[in-house]
Amino acid sequence: MLEHGVAGLAEPLRATECASDLFFPGATVEAPWRSGEMTGAVLRGDGGTNGHGPVFLAGASLSTFDLAWHLHERGVYSEDWTAVIACSQQKGRGQLGRYWHSPAGNLYVSFLLPRDALFDTEAAALITGYMLLTALREEGLPLALKWPNDLLLEDEQGAFTGKVAGLLLEERRGRVVAGFGVNLREAPSEALLRKDRAIAAASLAAWKLTPVALWLSLSARLNAIYTRRIYGRDPLSIMRDLEAHLAWKGKNVSAGDAGDELYGRLLGLGPDGALRLETPDGVREIISGSVRL
């Protein structure tokens, strides 16, 4: 944990915060958590295919993205799947720089993706979303992906009841960091949501999950999923796998940027992650924006 914090970016993680029900209940806060270095100790996996990557833990932070890049520049955040988890964020960011509501109890993590040409393509966010979706579904969570980067909760009748998670990628000097936020305990209130939102917000409170324990499990799964389902494959075949869990596939939707949306039947995804719609003018591809019923 970042015992001394990082000036301007993160507060130190106190023992009481670390072991709380909102972060990592039952955690032992003595060694190997203790470190005399500012950059702190980490929870370290075994480095194998089924292990999680190093995990830095921080208290209240501006943004896990900012903290991850700061550590990366210091040379201590360079191993594939290395992650930073914060108790809360003051300036968490989502798609298009939008504010991400970040109270304690939810998962806020930024993690370093492997050096792979797939993560240097237009389909990178969807490929990452597919890995996270698969890992969460292996945890028993009934989720689907809403193009391009949100996860929706699905009820027993197959209807989507709300957005529970969002993903954002940032690239600097050839490395890509994925920022991932999941509403484990609390969803944003209606007052905090955009008026033009595609769907309501929801949480996974019924599953009684906690941030660090969930990430340790997800990280190990991600490593295995990447090895088994992503590495060495072409983007189109990955998109075909993702389509099985694509929200509103086969439904009539509107998609695109605000003021420039198209209406049609959602057919699926192109190899570059574009959304394919069957419109009165033929099949069209949407490369940016959002999708809604």
Protein backbone atom coordinates (compact mmCIF):
# COMPACT_ATOMS: atom_id res chain seq x y z
CA MET A 1 0.00 0.00 0.00
CA LEU A 2 1.08 3.57 -0.52
CA GLU A 3 1.83 4.23 3.14
CA HIS A 4 3.02 7.78 2.63
CA GLY A 5 0.70 8.58 -0.25
CA VAL A 6 1.80 10.40 -3.36
CA ALA A 7 1.77 14.17 -3.07
CA GLY A 8 -1.18 15.67 -4.90
CA LEU A 9 -2.39 12.32 -6.27
CA ALA A 10 -3.27 9.96 -3.41
CA GLU A 11 -3.66 9.85 0.34
CA PRO A 12 -1.95 7.07 2.30
CA LEU A 13 -4.03 3.98 2.94
CA ARG A 14 -4.71 3.64 6.64
CA ALA A 15 -4.96 0.24 8.30
CA THR A 16 -8.58 0.87 9.32
CA GLU A 17 -9.50 1.77 5.73
CA CYS A 18 -7.66 -1.20 4.29
CA ALA A 19 -9.42 -3.82 6.42
CA SER A 20 -12.84 -2.17 6.25
CA ASP A 21 -15.92 -3.82 4.73
CA LEU A 22 -15.75 -1.17 1.98
CA PHE A 23 -12.28 -2.19 0.75
CA PHE A 24 -10.62 -5.42 1.89
CA PRO A 25 -12.38 -6.95 4.91
CA GLY A 26 -10.24 -9.27 7.02
CA ALA A 27 -6.98 -8.04 5.51
CA THR A 28 -3.82 -8.40 7.55
CA VAL A 29 -2.17 -5.00 7.53
CA GLU A 30 1.25 -6.07 8.76
CA ALA A 31 3.92 -7.51 6.42
CA PRO A 32 3.85 -7.95 3.47
CA TRP A 33 1.77 -4.77 3.40
CA ARG A 34 4.39 -2.63 5.15
CA SER A 35 7.04 -0.76 3.17
CA GLY A 36 9.43 2.07 3.87
CA GLU A 37 9.34 3.22 0.25
CA MET A 38 7.00 5.95 -0.91
CA THR A 39 5.86 3.78 -3.78
CA GLY A 40 4.75 1.20 -1.28
CA ALA A 41 4.34 -2.52 -1.01
CA VAL A 42 2.11 -4.48 -3.33
CA LEU A 43 -0.01 -7.57 -3.25
CA ARG A 44 2.01 -9.76 -5.56
CA GLY A 45 0.78 -12.76 -7.49
CA ASP A 46 2.83 -15.76 -8.50
CA GLY A 47 3.50 -14.37 -11.98
CA GLY A 48 2.06 -17.47 -13.64
CA THR A 49 -0.80 -17.81 -16.07
CA ASN A 50 -3.28 -18.23 -13.22
CA GLY A 51 -1.85 -15.56 -10.91
CA HIS A 52 -2.74 -11.92 -10.49
CA GLY A 53 -0.33 -9.09 -11.28
CA PRO A 54 1.12 -6.70 -8.68
CA VAL A 55 -1.54 -4.54 -7.03
CA PHE A 56 -0.84 -1.13 -5.48
CA LEU A 57 -3.41 -0.01 -2.90
CA ALA A 58 -4.10 3.66 -2.19
CA GLY A 59 -6.43 5.75 -0.09
CA ALA A 60 -8.54 8.57 -1.51
CA SER A 61 -7.01 9.53 -4.88
CA LEU A 62 -7.56 12.07 -7.60
CA SER A 63 -7.72 9.30 -10.20
CA THR A 64 -6.29 5.79 -10.45
CA PHE A 65 -5.26 6.72 -14.01
CA ASP A 66 -3.15 9.63 -12.80
CA LEU A 67 -1.62 7.52 -10.05
CA ALA A 68 -0.86 4.63 -12.42
CA TRP A 69 0.93 6.88 -14.92
CA HIS A 70 2.88 8.57 -12.11
CA LEU A 71 4.13 5.21 -10.85
CA HIS A 72 4.85 4.04 -14.39
CA GLU A 73 7.06 7.08 -14.98
CA ARG A 74 8.98 6.19 -11.81
CA GLY A 75 9.63 2.69 -13.17
CA VAL A 76 7.60 0.81 -10.54
CA TYR A 77 4.51 0.13 -12.64
CA SER A 78 5.77 -1.73 -15.69
CA GLU A 79 4.86 -5.41 -15.26
CA ASP A 80 1.88 -6.62 -17.31
CA TRP A 81 -1.40 -6.51 -15.36
CA THR A 82 0.07 -4.24 -12.65
CA ALA A 83 -2.88 -2.45 -11.04
CA VAL A 84 -3.67 0.52 -8.80
CA ILE A 85 -6.80 0.37 -6.68
CA ALA A 86 -8.05 3.41 -4.74
CA CYS A 87 -10.59 3.54 -1.91
CA SER A 88 -12.26 6.46 -3.68
CA GLN A 89 -11.57 9.02 -6.40
CA GLN A 90 -12.06 12.75 -6.39
CA LYS A 91 -11.67 13.22 -10.14
CA GLY A 92 -12.41 9.83 -11.66
CA ARG A 93 -12.98 10.10 -15.39
CA GLY A 94 -15.10 8.21 -17.84
CA GLN A 95 -15.72 8.32 -21.57
CA LEU A 96 -15.12 11.73 -23.22
CA GLY A 97 -13.66 13.06 -19.97
CA ARG A 98 -16.97 12.81 -18.13
CA TYR A 99 -16.91 12.75 -14.33
CA TRP A 100 -17.07 9.26 -12.77
CA HIS A 101 -18.86 9.21 -9.40
CA SER A 102 -16.42 7.44 -7.05
CA PRO A 103 -17.54 6.92 -3.42
CA ALA A 104 -15.90 4.35 -1.15
CA GLY A 105 -17.14 0.78 -1.57
CA ASN A 106 -17.00 0.53 -5.36
CA LEU A 107 -14.07 -0.76 -7.42
CA TYR A 108 -11.77 1.81 -9.03
CA VAL A 109 -8.79 0.21 -10.73
CA SER A 110 -6.31 1.08 -13.48
CA PHE A 111 -4.20 -1.77 -14.85
CA LEU A 112 -1.43 -2.13 -17.41
CA LEU A 113 -2.27 -4.18 -20.49
CA PRO A 114 0.32 -6.50 -22.09
CA ARG A 115 2.40 -5.30 -25.02
CA ASP A 116 0.26 -6.75 -27.81
CA ALA A 117 -0.57 -5.30 -31.23
CA LEU A 118 -4.25 -6.03 -30.52
CA PHE A 119 -4.21 -3.27 -27.91
CA ASP A 120 -2.91 -0.85 -30.53
CA THR A 121 -5.99 -1.21 -32.75
CA GLU A 122 -9.39 0.49 -32.90
CA ALA A 123 -10.83 -2.66 -31.32
CA ALA A 124 -8.62 -2.41 -28.19
CA ALA A 125 -11.36 -1.14 -25.86
CA LEU A 126 -13.82 -3.81 -26.98
CA ILE A 127 -11.22 -6.56 -26.65
CA THR A 128 -10.42 -5.38 -23.13
CA GLY A 129 -14.14 -5.13 -22.38
CA TYR A 130 -14.61 -8.68 -23.63
CA MET A 131 -11.91 -9.93 -21.26
CA LEU A 132 -13.43 -8.10 -18.28
CA LEU A 133 -16.93 -9.24 -19.19
CA THR A 134 -15.78 -12.86 -19.47
CA ALA A 135 -13.98 -12.66 -16.11
CA LEU A 136 -17.04 -11.18 -14.38
CA ARG A 137 -19.37 -13.74 -15.95
CA GLU A 138 -17.04 -16.48 -14.66
CA GLU A 139 -17.65 -14.92 -11.23
CA GLY A 140 -21.35 -15.63 -11.75
CA LEU A 141 -22.46 -12.10 -12.62
CA PRO A 142 -25.15 -11.85 -15.35
CA LEU A 143 -23.68 -9.06 -17.47
CA ALA A 144 -23.58 -7.98 -21.11
CA LEU A 145 -21.48 -5.40 -22.95
CA LYS A 146 -23.11 -2.24 -24.26
CA TRP A 147 -21.08 -0.86 -27.14
CA PRO A 148 -18.53 0.56 -26.86
CA ASN A 149 -17.39 0.32 -23.21
CA ASP A 150 -20.12 -0.25 -20.60
CA LEU A 151 -21.33 -3.35 -18.79
CA LEU A 152 -25.04 -3.84 -18.14
CA LEU A 153 -26.81 -5.98 -15.54
CA GLU A 154 -29.21 -8.54 -17.00
CA ASP A 155 -32.26 -9.86 -15.15
CA GLU A 156 -33.73 -13.37 -15.28
CA GLN A 157 -35.98 -12.39 -18.19
CA GLY A 158 -33.04 -11.19 -20.28
CA ALA A 159 -33.81 -7.49 -19.86
CA PHE A 160 -31.05 -5.03 -19.03
CA THR A 161 -31.75 -3.19 -15.80
CA GLY A 162 -28.86 -0.74 -15.62
CA LYS A 163 -25.22 0.13 -16.19
CA VAL A 164 -22.93 -1.25 -13.48
CA ALA A 165 -19.44 -0.71 -14.93
CA GLY A 166 -17.46 1.34 -17.42
CA LEU A 167 -14.08 1.05 -19.13
CA LEU A 168 -11.64 3.60 -20.54
CA LEU A 169 -8.21 3.13 -22.17
CA GLU A 170 -5.30 5.57 -22.19
CA GLU A 171 -2.04 5.18 -24.15
CA ARG A 172 1.32 6.82 -23.49
CA ARG A 173 4.64 5.99 -25.12
CA GLY A 174 3.56 2.59 -26.33
CA ARG A 175 1.89 1.32 -23.14
CA VAL A 176 -1.85 1.12 -22.58
CA VAL A 177 -3.55 1.47 -19.20
CA ALA A 178 -7.17 0.39 -18.75
CA GLY A 179 -9.31 2.20 -16.20
CA PHE A 180 -12.25 0.19 -14.88
CA GLY A 181 -14.97 1.25 -12.47
CA VAL A 182 -17.65 -1.05 -11.05
CA ASN A 183 -20.63 -0.06 -8.90
CA LEU A 184 -20.26 -2.73 -6.23
CA ARG A 185 -22.12 -0.96 -3.40
CA GLU A 186 -23.57 2.24 -4.79
CA ALA A 187 -24.80 3.59 -8.11
CA PRO A 188 -24.88 7.31 -8.94
CA SER A 189 -28.12 9.08 -8.12
CA GLU A 190 -30.39 10.30 -10.92
CA ALA A 191 -29.18 13.85 -10.28
CA LEU A 192 -25.61 12.86 -11.18
CA LEU A 193 -26.51 11.14 -14.45
CA ARG A 194 -26.60 12.77 -17.87
CA LYS A 195 -30.05 13.63 -19.16
CA ASP A 196 -29.24 11.89 -22.45
CA ARG A 197 -28.04 8.67 -20.80
CA ALA A 198 -28.84 5.47 -22.65
CA ILE A 199 -29.83 3.48 -19.55
CA ALA A 200 -30.18 3.91 -15.79
CA ALA A 201 -27.33 3.23 -13.38
CA ALA A 202 -27.37 0.11 -11.20
CA SER A 203 -25.15 -1.63 -8.67
CA LEU A 204 -24.06 -5.15 -7.75
CA ALA A 205 -24.92 -4.62 -4.07
CA ALA A 206 -26.94 -7.85 -3.95
CA TRP A 207 -23.74 -9.85 -4.57
CA LYS A 208 -21.95 -8.33 -1.52
CA LEU A 209 -18.62 -7.97 -3.31
CA THR A 210 -15.63 -5.97 -2.04
CA PRO A 211 -13.13 -4.11 -4.25
CA VAL A 212 -9.74 -5.70 -3.53
CA ALA A 213 -10.91 -9.30 -3.17
CA LEU A 214 -12.90 -9.02 -6.40
CA TRP A 215 -9.96 -7.55 -8.30
CA LEU A 216 -7.54 -10.24 -7.12
CA SER A 217 -9.92 -12.84 -8.52
CA LEU A 218 -10.61 -10.91 -11.73
CA SER A 219 -6.92 -10.21 -12.36
CA ALA A 220 -6.04 -13.89 -12.18
CA ARG A 221 -8.92 -14.67 -14.53
CA LEU A 222 -7.87 -11.91 -16.96
CA ASN A 223 -4.39 -13.36 -17.22
CA ALA A 224 -5.80 -16.77 -18.11
CA ILE A 225 -8.47 -15.35 -20.45
CA TYR A 226 -5.87 -13.34 -22.34
CA THR A 227 -3.69 -16.41 -22.79
CA ARG A 228 -6.57 -18.68 -23.74
CA ARG A 229 -8.90 -16.45 -25.76
CA ILE A 230 -7.01 -13.36 -26.97
CA TYR A 231 -3.31 -13.94 -27.58
CA GLY A 232 -2.50 -14.79 -31.20
CA ARG A 233 -6.06 -14.37 -32.48
CA ASP A 234 -7.35 -11.94 -35.09
CA PRO A 235 -9.72 -9.13 -34.00
CA LEU A 236 -12.67 -10.35 -36.10
CA SER A 237 -12.80 -13.75 -34.40
CA ILE A 238 -12.72 -12.04 -30.99
CA MET A 239 -15.56 -9.72 -32.07
CA ARG A 240 -17.59 -12.77 -33.07
CA ASP A 241 -17.15 -14.23 -29.59
CA LEU A 242 -18.12 -10.92 -28.01
CA GLU A 243 -21.29 -10.65 -30.09
CA ALA A 244 -22.80 -13.49 -28.06
CA HIS A 245 -22.89 -11.06 -25.10
CA LEU A 246 -23.54 -7.79 -26.96
CA ALA A 247 -26.47 -5.85 -25.50
CA TRP A 248 -29.45 -5.36 -27.83
CA LYS A 249 -28.03 -7.47 -30.68
CA GLY A 250 -30.85 -8.03 -33.17
CA LYS A 251 -32.88 -5.13 -31.72
CA ASN A 252 -33.70 -1.80 -33.35
CA VAL A 253 -31.48 0.86 -31.81
CA SER A 254 -30.15 4.35 -32.42
CA ALA A 255 -26.37 4.70 -32.43
CA GLY A 256 -23.68 7.26 -33.11
CA ASP A 257 -22.65 10.66 -31.86
CA ALA A 258 -25.23 13.06 -30.42
CA GLY A 259 -27.00 14.85 -33.26
CA ASP A 260 -25.64 12.40 -35.84
CA GLU A 261 -27.30 9.12 -34.88
CA LEU A 262 -28.54 6.38 -37.15
CA TYR A 263 -31.49 4.07 -36.51
CA GLY A 264 -31.54 0.42 -37.47
CA ARG A 265 -31.23 -3.21 -36.41
CA LEU A 266 -28.03 -3.99 -34.51
CA LEU A 267 -26.27 -6.69 -36.54
CA GLY A 268 -23.01 -7.01 -34.64
CA LEU A 269 -19.41 -5.78 -34.79
CA GLY A 270 -16.81 -5.23 -37.48
CA PRO A 271 -13.19 -6.40 -37.07
CA ASP A 272 -12.21 -2.91 -35.89
CA GLY A 273 -14.98 -2.86 -33.27
CA ALA A 274 -17.35 -0.69 -35.30
CA LEU A 275 -21.04 -1.22 -34.61
CA ARG A 276 -22.88 -2.59 -37.65
CA LEU A 277 -26.47 -1.43 -38.22
CA GLU A 278 -28.98 -2.53 -40.83
CA THR A 279 -30.67 0.73 -41.88
CA PRO A 280 -33.15 1.60 -44.66
CA ASP A 281 -30.10 2.76 -46.65
CA GLY A 282 -28.21 -0.49 -46.19
CA VAL A 283 -25.66 -1.72 -43.66
CA ARG A 284 -23.83 1.14 -41.98
CA GLU A 285 -20.92 1.13 -39.52
CA ILE A 286 -20.75 3.38 -36.45
CA ILE A 287 -17.24 4.10 -35.18
CA SER A 288 -17.96 6.50 -32.28
CA GLY A 289 -20.70 7.57 -29.92
CA SER A 290 -23.10 5.39 -28.02
CA VAL A 291 -26.06 3.09 -28.56
CA ARG A 292 -29.55 3.09 -27.05
CA LEU A 293 -32.88 1.36 -27.59
